[in-house]
Amino acid sequence: MGDGIGGPVIGCLSNNTFELLVTHFRKDNKEEYARKERIIIAKIDNPDEPQYQETTQTDLEMALKGKFVSCNVQYRDIKTDALVCNVFVQKPPEGF
């Protein structure tokens, strides 16, 4: 897909899946996205924890919950309707 979305992480559902409140869209996106999307992590980049690796749901919550992330969408998983994304932890945009 190559689309980009972003927003705060509102909950972690497993050790590699979280729910995103979509507040930002890349202008050149080709697909439409819901207000809330389930994200499966393909890869994560967290400058606060550069050695972050897939661990437990609790660890994922501590790393992501409430933080602003941007997601580069790889594809939508047909079985789960979740987006498989490369995830980047960022500082929230100004005024957020």
PDB file of N, CA and C in Angstrom:
ATOM      1  N   MET A   1       0.825  -1.202   0.000  1.00  0.00           N
ATOM      2  CA  MET A   1       0.000   0.000   0.000  1.00  0.00           C
ATOM      3  C   MET A   1       0.868   1.265   0.000  1.00  0.00           C
ATOM      4  N   GLY A   2       1.735   1.412   1.000  1.00  0.00           N
ATOM      5  CA  GLY A   2       2.575   2.585   1.062  1.00  0.00           C
ATOM      6  C   GLY A   2       1.919   3.813   1.660  1.00  0.00           C
ATOM      7  N   ASP A   3       0.713   3.694   2.194  1.00  0.00           N
ATOM      8  CA  ASP A   3       0.031   4.823   2.818  1.00  0.00           C
ATOM      9  C   ASP A   3       0.613   5.095   4.199  1.00  0.00           C
ATOM     10  N   GLY A   4       0.300   6.267   4.740  1.00  0.00           N
ATOM     11  CA  GLY A   4       0.755   6.626   6.075  1.00  0.00           C
ATOM     12  C   GLY A   4      -0.387   7.188   6.905  1.00  0.00           C
ATOM     13  N   ILE A   5      -0.478   6.717   8.163  1.00  0.00           N
ATOM     14  CA  ILE A   5      -1.459   7.239   9.110  1.00  0.00           C
ATOM     15  C   ILE A   5      -0.751   7.450  10.441  1.00  0.00           C
ATOM     16  N   GLY A   6      -1.361   8.244  11.311  1.00  0.00           N
ATOM     17  CA  GLY A   6      -0.753   8.493  12.610  1.00  0.00           C
ATOM     18  C   GLY A   6      -1.788   8.867  13.643  1.00  0.00           C
ATOM     19  N   GLY A   7      -1.374   8.765  14.907  1.00  0.00           N
ATOM     20  CA  GLY A   7      -2.239   9.135  16.006  1.00  0.00           C
ATOM     21  C   GLY A   7      -1.761   8.479  17.286  1.00  0.00           C
ATOM     22  N   PRO A   8      -2.529   8.686  18.375  1.00  0.00           N
ATOM     23  CA  PRO A   8      -2.148   8.084  19.643  1.00  0.00           C
ATOM     24  C   PRO A   8      -2.568   6.619  19.723  1.00  0.00           C
ATOM     25  N   VAL A   9      -1.751   5.832  20.427  1.00  0.00           N
ATOM     26  CA  VAL A   9      -2.073   4.440  20.704  1.00  0.00           C
ATOM     27  C   VAL A   9      -3.058   4.437  21.868  1.00  0.00           C
ATOM     28  N   ILE A  10      -4.236   3.829  21.663  1.00  0.00           N
ATOM     29  CA  ILE A  10      -5.259   3.850  22.713  1.00  0.00           C
ATOM     30  C   ILE A  10      -5.371   2.539  23.472  1.00  0.00           C
ATOM     31  N   GLY A  11      -4.728   1.501  22.981  1.00  0.00           N
ATOM     32  CA  GLY A  11      -4.747   0.238  23.708  1.00  0.00           C
ATOM     33  C   GLY A  11      -3.944  -0.818  22.991  1.00  0.00           C
ATOM     34  N   CYS A  12      -3.396  -1.744  23.764  1.00  0.00           N
ATOM     35  CA  CYS A  12      -2.626  -2.856  23.196  1.00  0.00           C
ATOM     36  C   CYS A  12      -3.458  -4.123  23.335  1.00  0.00           C
ATOM     37  N   LEU A  13      -3.570  -4.865  22.257  1.00  0.00           N
ATOM     38  CA  LEU A  13      -4.441  -6.040  22.210  1.00  0.00           C
ATOM     39  C   LEU A  13      -3.673  -7.350  22.347  1.00  0.00           C
ATOM     40  N   SER A  14      -2.380  -7.329  22.026  1.00  0.00           N
ATOM     41  CA  SER A  14      -1.537  -8.520  22.172  1.00  0.00           C
ATOM     42  C   SER A  14      -0.092  -8.035  22.212  1.00  0.00           C
ATOM     43  N   ASN A  15       0.845  -8.972  22.096  1.00  0.00           N
ATOM     44  CA  ASN A  15       2.254  -8.571  22.135  1.00  0.00           C
ATOM     45  C   ASN A  15       2.730  -7.911  20.847  1.00  0.00           C
ATOM     46  N   ASN A  16       1.908  -7.902  19.790  1.00  0.00           N
ATOM     47  CA  ASN A  16       2.312  -7.252  18.544  1.00  0.00           C
ATOM     48  C   ASN A  16       1.171  -6.498  17.856  1.00  0.00           C
ATOM     49  N   THR A  17       0.063  -6.281  18.578  1.00  0.00           N
ATOM     50  CA  THR A  17      -1.106  -5.623  17.989  1.00  0.00           C
ATOM     51  C   THR A  17      -1.622  -4.545  18.934  1.00  0.00           C
ATOM     52  N   PHE A  18      -1.956  -3.382  18.359  1.00  0.00           N
ATOM     53  CA  PHE A  18      -2.524  -2.299  19.168  1.00  0.00           C
ATOM     54  C   PHE A  18      -3.614  -1.589  18.389  1.00  0.00           C
ATOM     55  N   GLU A  19      -4.367  -0.766  19.114  1.00  0.00           N
ATOM     56  CA  GLU A  19      -5.438   0.015  18.501  1.00  0.00           C
ATOM     57  C   GLU A  19      -4.974   1.462  18.414  1.00  0.00           C
ATOM     58  N   LEU A  20      -5.146   2.045  17.237  1.00  0.00           N
ATOM     59  CA  LEU A  20      -4.705   3.408  16.954  1.00  0.00           C
ATOM     60  C   LEU A  20      -5.911   4.302  16.711  1.00  0.00           C
ATOM     61  N   LEU A  21      -5.930   5.467  17.353  1.00  0.00           N
ATOM     62  CA  LEU A  21      -6.920   6.492  17.053  1.00  0.00           C
ATOM     63  C   LEU A  21      -6.327   7.321  15.921  1.00  0.00           C
ATOM     64  N   VAL A  22      -6.854   7.170  14.725  1.00  0.00           N
ATOM     65  CA  VAL A  22      -6.271   7.802  13.537  1.00  0.00           C
ATOM     66  C   VAL A  22      -6.662   9.275  13.502  1.00  0.00           C
ATOM     67  N   THR A  23      -5.649  10.137  13.693  1.00  0.00           N
ATOM     68  CA  THR A  23      -5.879  11.581  13.683  1.00  0.00           C
ATOM     69  C   THR A  23      -5.151  12.269  12.534  1.00  0.00           C
ATOM     70  N   HIS A  24      -4.209  11.574  11.915  1.00  0.00           N
ATOM     71  CA  HIS A  24      -3.420  12.162  10.835  1.00  0.00           C
ATOM     72  C   HIS A  24      -3.325  11.182   9.669  1.00  0.00           C
ATOM     73  N   PHE A  25      -3.421  11.737   8.472  1.00  0.00           N
ATOM     74  CA  PHE A  25      -3.344  10.955   7.232  1.00  0.00           C
ATOM     75  C   PHE A  25      -2.316  11.609   6.324  1.00  0.00           C
ATOM     76  N   ARG A  26      -1.596  10.806   5.586  1.00  0.00           N
ATOM     77  CA  ARG A  26      -0.728  11.372   4.563  1.00  0.00           C
ATOM     78  C   ARG A  26      -1.622  11.826   3.404  1.00  0.00           C
ATOM     79  N   LYS A  27      -1.297  12.955   2.812  1.00  0.00           N
ATOM     80  CA  LYS A  27      -2.143  13.537   1.766  1.00  0.00           C
ATOM     81  C   LYS A  27      -2.265  12.664   0.523  1.00  0.00           C
ATOM     82  N   ASP A  28      -1.248  11.860   0.253  1.00  0.00           N
ATOM     83  CA  ASP A  28      -1.268  11.052  -0.971  1.00  0.00           C
ATOM     84  C   ASP A  28      -1.725   9.615  -0.733  1.00  0.00           C
ATOM     85  N   ASN A  29      -2.393   9.349   0.397  1.00  0.00           N
ATOM     86  CA  ASN A  29      -2.910   7.997   0.664  1.00  0.00           C
ATOM     87  C   ASN A  29      -3.850   7.550  -0.450  1.00  0.00           C
ATOM     88  N   LYS A  30      -3.788   6.271  -0.762  1.00  0.00           N
ATOM     89  CA  LYS A  30      -4.654   5.715  -1.799  1.00  0.00           C
ATOM     90  C   LYS A  30      -5.894   5.035  -1.217  1.00  0.00           C
ATOM     91  N   GLU A  31      -5.840   4.642   0.062  1.00  0.00           N
ATOM     92  CA  GLU A  31      -6.957   3.945   0.715  1.00  0.00           C
ATOM     93  C   GLU A  31      -7.613   4.842   1.749  1.00  0.00           C
ATOM     94  N   GLU A  32      -8.818   4.449   2.159  1.00  0.00           N
ATOM     95  CA  GLU A  32      -9.543   5.126   3.237  1.00  0.00           C
ATOM     96  C   GLU A  32      -9.304   4.358   4.537  1.00  0.00           C
ATOM     97  N   TYR A  33      -9.266   5.076   5.654  1.00  0.00           N
ATOM     98  CA  TYR A  33      -9.029   4.444   6.951  1.00  0.00           C
ATOM     99  C   TYR A  33     -10.084   4.891   7.951  1.00  0.00           C
ATOM    100  N   ALA A  34     -10.435   3.967   8.858  1.00  0.00           N
ATOM    101  CA  ALA A  34     -11.434   4.248   9.885  1.00  0.00           C
ATOM    102  C   ALA A  34     -10.835   5.149  10.960  1.00  0.00           C
ATOM    103  N   ARG A  35     -11.694   5.687  11.807  1.00  0.00           N
ATOM    104  CA  ARG A  35     -11.238   6.535  12.916  1.00  0.00           C
ATOM    105  C   ARG A  35     -10.364   5.737  13.885  1.00  0.00           C
ATOM    106  N   LYS A  36     -10.701   4.447  14.078  1.00  0.00           N
ATOM    107  CA  LYS A  36      -9.890   3.544  14.893  1.00  0.00           C
ATOM    108  C   LYS A  36      -9.465   2.381  14.021  1.00  0.00           C
ATOM    109  N   GLU A  37      -8.188   2.069  14.037  1.00  0.00           N
ATOM    110  CA  GLU A  37      -7.670   0.951  13.260  1.00  0.00           C
ATOM    111  C   GLU A  37      -6.849   0.040  14.174  1.00  0.00           C
ATOM    112  N   ARG A  38      -6.938  -1.250  13.898  1.00  0.00           N
ATOM    113  CA  ARG A  38      -6.108  -2.232  14.594  1.00  0.00           C
ATOM    114  C   ARG A  38      -4.823  -2.380  13.793  1.00  0.00           C
ATOM    115  N   ILE A  39      -3.670  -2.275  14.478  1.00  0.00           N
ATOM    116  CA  ILE A  39      -2.371  -2.302  13.825  1.00  0.00           C
ATOM    117  C   ILE A  39      -1.585  -3.525  14.293  1.00  0.00           C
ATOM    118  N   ILE A  40      -1.078  -4.309  13.330  1.00  0.00           N
ATOM    119  CA  ILE A  40      -0.146  -5.394  13.615  1.00  0.00           C
ATOM    120  C   ILE A  40       1.243  -4.873  13.257  1.00  0.00           C
ATOM    121  N   ILE A  41       2.166  -4.980  14.195  1.00  0.00           N
ATOM    122  CA  ILE A  41       3.498  -4.426  13.992  1.00  0.00           C
ATOM    123  C   ILE A  41       4.338  -5.346  13.111  1.00  0.00           C
ATOM    124  N   ALA A  42       4.802  -4.797  11.985  1.00  0.00           N
ATOM    125  CA  ALA A  42       5.765  -5.510  11.142  1.00  0.00           C
ATOM    126  C   ALA A  42       7.172  -5.178  11.641  1.00  0.00           C
ATOM    127  N   LYS A  43       7.392  -3.897  11.967  1.00  0.00           N
ATOM    128  CA  LYS A  43       8.675  -3.409  12.468  1.00  0.00           C
ATOM    129  C   LYS A  43       8.377  -2.193  13.331  1.00  0.00           C
ATOM    130  N   ILE A  44       9.165  -1.986  14.403  1.00  0.00           N
ATOM    131  CA  ILE A  44       8.953  -0.823  15.258  1.00  0.00           C
ATOM    132  C   ILE A  44      10.254  -0.050  15.403  1.00  0.00           C
ATOM    133  N   ASP A  45      10.141   1.276  15.358  1.00  0.00           N
ATOM    134  CA  ASP A  45      11.287   2.158  15.560  1.00  0.00           C
ATOM    135  C   ASP A  45      10.932   3.102  16.693  1.00  0.00           C
ATOM    136  N   ASN A  46      11.588   2.906  17.843  1.00  0.00           N
ATOM    137  CA  ASN A  46      11.324   3.737  19.016  1.00  0.00           C
ATOM    138  C   ASN A  46      12.650   4.329  19.476  1.00  0.00           C
ATOM    139  N   PRO A  47      12.867   5.644  19.235  1.00  0.00           N
ATOM    140  CA  PRO A  47      14.156   6.236  19.604  1.00  0.00           C
ATOM    141  C   PRO A  47      14.442   6.170  21.107  1.00  0.00           C
ATOM    142  N   ASP A  48      13.383   6.119  21.945  1.00  0.00           N
ATOM    143  CA  ASP A  48      13.592   6.002  23.393  1.00  0.00           C
ATOM    144  C   ASP A  48      14.097   4.619  23.777  1.00  0.00           C
ATOM    145  N   GLU A  49      13.749   3.622  23.002  1.00  0.00           N
ATOM    146  CA  GLU A  49      14.172   2.249  23.257  1.00  0.00           C
ATOM    147  C   GLU A  49      14.643   1.638  21.931  1.00  0.00           C
ATOM    148  N   PRO A  50      15.838   2.026  21.462  1.00  0.00           N
ATOM    149  CA  PRO A  50      16.273   1.568  20.134  1.00  0.00           C
ATOM    150  C   PRO A  50      16.441   0.061  20.029  1.00  0.00           C
ATOM    151  N   GLN A  51      16.596  -0.626  21.144  1.00  0.00           N
ATOM    152  CA  GLN A  51      16.759  -2.080  21.111  1.00  0.00           C
ATOM    153  C   GLN A  51      15.436  -2.808  21.306  1.00  0.00           C
ATOM    154  N   TYR A  52      14.309  -2.070  21.196  1.00  0.00           N
ATOM    155  CA  TYR A  52      13.006  -2.700  21.437  1.00  0.00           C
ATOM    156  C   TYR A  52      12.811  -3.905  20.524  1.00  0.00           C
ATOM    157  N   GLN A  53      12.367  -5.005  21.121  1.00  0.00           N
ATOM    158  CA  GLN A  53      12.035  -6.209  20.361  1.00  0.00           C
ATOM    159  C   GLN A  53      10.676  -6.693  20.827  1.00  0.00           C
ATOM    160  N   GLU A  54      10.012  -7.474  19.995  1.00  0.00           N
ATOM    161  CA  GLU A  54       8.705  -8.016  20.355  1.00  0.00           C
ATOM    162  C   GLU A  54       8.820  -8.820  21.645  1.00  0.00           C
ATOM    163  N   THR A  55       7.998  -8.452  22.643  1.00  0.00           N
ATOM    164  CA  THR A  55       8.029  -9.167  23.922  1.00  0.00           C
ATOM    165  C   THR A  55       6.605  -9.472  24.351  1.00  0.00           C
ATOM    166  N   THR A  56       6.165  -8.910  25.470  1.00  0.00           N
ATOM    167  CA  THR A  56       4.834  -9.208  25.994  1.00  0.00           C
ATOM    168  C   THR A  56       3.875  -8.054  25.736  1.00  0.00           C
ATOM    169  N   GLN A  57       2.580  -8.322  25.945  1.00  0.00           N
ATOM    170  CA  GLN A  57       1.573  -7.271  25.806  1.00  0.00           C
ATOM    171  C   GLN A  57       1.846  -6.141  26.796  1.00  0.00           C
ATOM    172  N   THR A  58       2.247  -6.476  28.024  1.00  0.00           N
ATOM    173  CA  THR A  58       2.543  -5.467  29.043  1.00  0.00           C
ATOM    174  C   THR A  58       3.712  -4.591  28.600  1.00  0.00           C
ATOM    175  N   ASP A  59       4.762  -5.209  28.069  1.00  0.00           N
ATOM    176  CA  ASP A  59       5.908  -4.435  27.579  1.00  0.00           C
ATOM    177  C   ASP A  59       5.507  -3.516  26.432  1.00  0.00           C
ATOM    178  N   LEU A  60       4.652  -4.021  25.545  1.00  0.00           N
ATOM    179  CA  LEU A  60       4.192  -3.203  24.427  1.00  0.00           C
ATOM    180  C   LEU A  60       3.383  -2.010  24.929  1.00  0.00           C
ATOM    181  N   GLU A  61       2.516  -2.233  25.926  1.00  0.00           N
ATOM    182  CA  GLU A  61       1.744  -1.131  26.506  1.00  0.00           C
ATOM    183  C   GLU A  61       2.659  -0.078  27.099  1.00  0.00           C
ATOM    184  N   MET A  62       3.691  -0.515  27.837  1.00  0.00           N
ATOM    185  CA  MET A  62       4.620   0.455  28.439  1.00  0.00           C
ATOM    186  C   MET A  62       5.359   1.238  27.357  1.00  0.00           C
ATOM    187  N   ALA A  63       5.663   0.598  26.231  1.00  0.00           N
ATOM    188  CA  ALA A  63       6.404   1.251  25.151  1.00  0.00           C
ATOM    189  C   ALA A  63       5.529   2.185  24.318  1.00  0.00           C
ATOM    190  N   LEU A  64       4.224   1.845  24.157  1.00  0.00           N
ATOM    191  CA  LEU A  64       3.408   2.569  23.176  1.00  0.00           C
ATOM    192  C   LEU A  64       2.175   3.290  23.706  1.00  0.00           C
ATOM    193  N   LYS A  65       1.513   2.774  24.722  1.00  0.00           N
ATOM    194  CA  LYS A  65       0.203   3.320  25.107  1.00  0.00           C
ATOM    195  C   LYS A  65       0.294   4.813  25.423  1.00  0.00           C
ATOM    196  N   GLY A  66      -0.579   5.577  24.762  1.00  0.00           N
ATOM    197  CA  GLY A  66      -0.644   7.012  24.963  1.00  0.00           C
ATOM    198  C   GLY A  66       0.353   7.790  24.123  1.00  0.00           C
ATOM    199  N   LYS A  67       1.260   7.107  23.438  1.00  0.00           N
ATOM    200  CA  LYS A  67       2.249   7.792  22.616  1.00  0.00           C
ATOM    201  C   LYS A  67       1.704   7.996  21.205  1.00  0.00           C
ATOM    202  N   PHE A  68       2.236   9.011  20.555  1.00  0.00           N
ATOM    203  CA  PHE A  68       1.877   9.288  19.168  1.00  0.00           C
ATOM    204  C   PHE A  68       2.787   8.463  18.280  1.00  0.00           C
ATOM    205  N   VAL A  69       2.188   7.717  17.357  1.00  0.00           N
ATOM    206  CA  VAL A  69       2.974   6.908  16.419  1.00  0.00           C
ATOM    207  C   VAL A  69       2.538   7.216  14.997  1.00  0.00           C
ATOM    208  N   SER A  70       3.469   7.039  14.077  1.00  0.00           N
ATOM    209  CA  SER A  70       3.102   7.069  12.663  1.00  0.00           C
ATOM    210  C   SER A  70       3.308   5.665  12.124  1.00  0.00           C
ATOM    211  N   CYS A  71       2.441   5.279  11.214  1.00  0.00           N
ATOM    212  CA  CYS A  71       2.434   3.923  10.681  1.00  0.00           C
ATOM    213  C   CYS A  71       2.545   3.975   9.163  1.00  0.00           C
ATOM    214  N   ASN A  72       3.540   3.294   8.638  1.00  0.00           N
ATOM    215  CA  ASN A  72       3.641   3.097   7.196  1.00  0.00           C
ATOM    216  C   ASN A  72       2.940   1.783   6.893  1.00  0.00           C
ATOM    217  N   VAL A  73       1.806   1.895   6.227  1.00  0.00           N
ATOM    218  CA  VAL A  73       0.952   0.729   5.977  1.00  0.00           C
ATOM    219  C   VAL A  73       1.583  -0.165   4.916  1.00  0.00           C
ATOM    220  N   GLN A  74       1.763  -1.440   5.249  1.00  0.00           N
ATOM    221  CA  GLN A  74       2.280  -2.421   4.297  1.00  0.00           C
ATOM    222  C   GLN A  74       1.108  -3.067   3.548  1.00  0.00           C
ATOM    223  N   TYR A  75       0.112  -3.536   4.308  1.00  0.00           N
ATOM    224  CA  TYR A  75      -1.091  -4.118   3.702  1.00  0.00           C
ATOM    225  C   TYR A  75      -2.139  -4.337   4.784  1.00  0.00           C
ATOM    226  N   ARG A  76      -3.371  -4.613   4.366  1.00  0.00           N
ATOM    227  CA  ARG A  76      -4.449  -4.949   5.293  1.00  0.00           C
ATOM    228  C   ARG A  76      -4.596  -6.467   5.311  1.00  0.00           C
ATOM    229  N   ASP A  77      -4.497  -7.059   6.520  1.00  0.00           N
ATOM    230  CA  ASP A  77      -4.653  -8.502   6.682  1.00  0.00           C
ATOM    231  C   ASP A  77      -6.116  -8.864   6.460  1.00  0.00           C
ATOM    232  N   ILE A  78      -6.383  -9.717   5.495  1.00  0.00           N
ATOM    233  CA  ILE A  78      -7.764 -10.049   5.122  1.00  0.00           C
ATOM    234  C   ILE A  78      -8.480 -10.808   6.238  1.00  0.00           C
ATOM    235  N   LYS A  79      -7.772 -11.702   6.930  1.00  0.00           N
ATOM    236  CA  LYS A  79      -8.408 -12.509   7.974  1.00  0.00           C
ATOM    237  C   LYS A  79      -8.828 -11.685   9.183  1.00  0.00           C
ATOM    238  N   THR A  80      -7.982 -10.728   9.611  1.00  0.00           N
ATOM    239  CA  THR A  80      -8.259  -9.977  10.839  1.00  0.00           C
ATOM    240  C   THR A  80      -8.763  -8.560  10.581  1.00  0.00           C
ATOM    241  N   ASP A  81      -8.694  -8.075   9.350  1.00  0.00           N
ATOM    242  CA  ASP A  81      -9.022  -6.702   8.968  1.00  0.00           C
ATOM    243  C   ASP A  81      -8.103  -5.689   9.660  1.00  0.00           C
ATOM    244  N   ALA A  82      -6.942  -6.153  10.128  1.00  0.00           N
ATOM    245  CA  ALA A  82      -5.967  -5.259  10.757  1.00  0.00           C
ATOM    246  C   ALA A  82      -4.954  -4.808   9.712  1.00  0.00           C
ATOM    247  N   LEU A  83      -4.339  -3.658   9.973  1.00  0.00           N
ATOM    248  CA  LEU A  83      -3.300  -3.147   9.096  1.00  0.00           C
ATOM    249  C   LEU A  83      -1.943  -3.642   9.582  1.00  0.00           C
ATOM    250  N   VAL A  84      -1.143  -4.167   8.685  1.00  0.00           N
ATOM    251  CA  VAL A  84       0.229  -4.549   9.015  1.00  0.00           C
ATOM    252  C   VAL A  84       1.101  -3.353   8.647  1.00  0.00           C
ATOM    253  N   CYS A  85       1.836  -2.833   9.651  1.00  0.00           N
ATOM    254  CA  CYS A  85       2.540  -1.564   9.469  1.00  0.00           C
ATOM    255  C   CYS A  85       3.935  -1.582  10.068  1.00  0.00           C
ATOM    256  N   ASN A  86       4.803  -0.747   9.511  1.00  0.00           N
ATOM    257  CA  ASN A  86       6.033  -0.359  10.180  1.00  0.00           C
ATOM    258  C   ASN A  86       5.651   0.823  11.063  1.00  0.00           C
ATOM    259  N   VAL A  87       6.004   0.762  12.338  1.00  0.00           N
ATOM    260  CA  VAL A  87       5.537   1.731  13.333  1.00  0.00           C
ATOM    261  C   VAL A  87       6.712   2.572  13.818  1.00  0.00           C
ATOM    262  N   PHE A  88       6.499   3.884  13.900  1.00  0.00           N
ATOM    263  CA  PHE A  88       7.516   4.825  14.343  1.00  0.00           C
ATOM    264  C   PHE A  88       6.960   5.655  15.490  1.00  0.00           C
ATOM    265  N   VAL A  89       7.590   5.573  16.661  1.00  0.00           N
ATOM    266  CA  VAL A  89       7.169   6.352  17.820  1.00  0.00           C
ATOM    267  C   VAL A  89       7.726   7.758  17.643  1.00  0.00           C
ATOM    268  N   GLN A  90       6.843   8.781  17.827  1.00  0.00           N
ATOM    269  CA  GLN A  90       7.244  10.156  17.581  1.00  0.00           C
ATOM    270  C   GLN A  90       6.764  11.063  18.700  1.00  0.00           C
ATOM    271  N   LYS A  91       7.253  12.299  18.644  1.00  0.00           N
ATOM    272  CA  LYS A  91       6.688  13.322  19.508  1.00  0.00           C
ATOM    273  C   LYS A  91       5.374  13.758  18.847  1.00  0.00           C
ATOM    274  N   PRO A  92       4.320  14.040  19.646  1.00  0.00           N
ATOM    275  CA  PRO A  92       3.052  14.469  19.038  1.00  0.00           C
ATOM    276  C   PRO A  92       3.231  15.742  18.233  1.00  0.00           C
ATOM    277  N   PRO A  93       2.447  15.914  17.155  1.00  0.00           N
ATOM    278  CA  PRO A  93       2.522  17.154  16.381  1.00  0.00           C
ATOM    279  C   PRO A  93       2.105  18.340  17.241  1.00  0.00           C
ATOM    280  N   GLU A  94       2.590  19.512  16.906  1.00  0.00           N
ATOM    281  CA  GLU A  94       2.255  20.714  17.668  1.00  0.00           C
ATOM    282  C   GLU A  94       0.753  20.949  17.666  1.00  0.00           C
ATOM    283  N   GLY A  95       0.211  21.275  18.826  1.00  0.00           N
ATOM    284  CA  GLY A  95      -1.219  21.512  18.951  1.00  0.00           C
ATOM    285  C   GLY A  95      -2.028  20.258  19.158  1.00  0.00           C
ATOM    286  N   PHE A  96      -1.360  19.122  19.293  1.00  0.00           N
ATOM    287  CA  PHE A  96      -2.072  17.865  19.459  1.00  0.00           C
ATOM    288  C   PHE A  96      -2.494  17.694  20.904  1.00  0.00           C
TER     289      PHE A  96
END
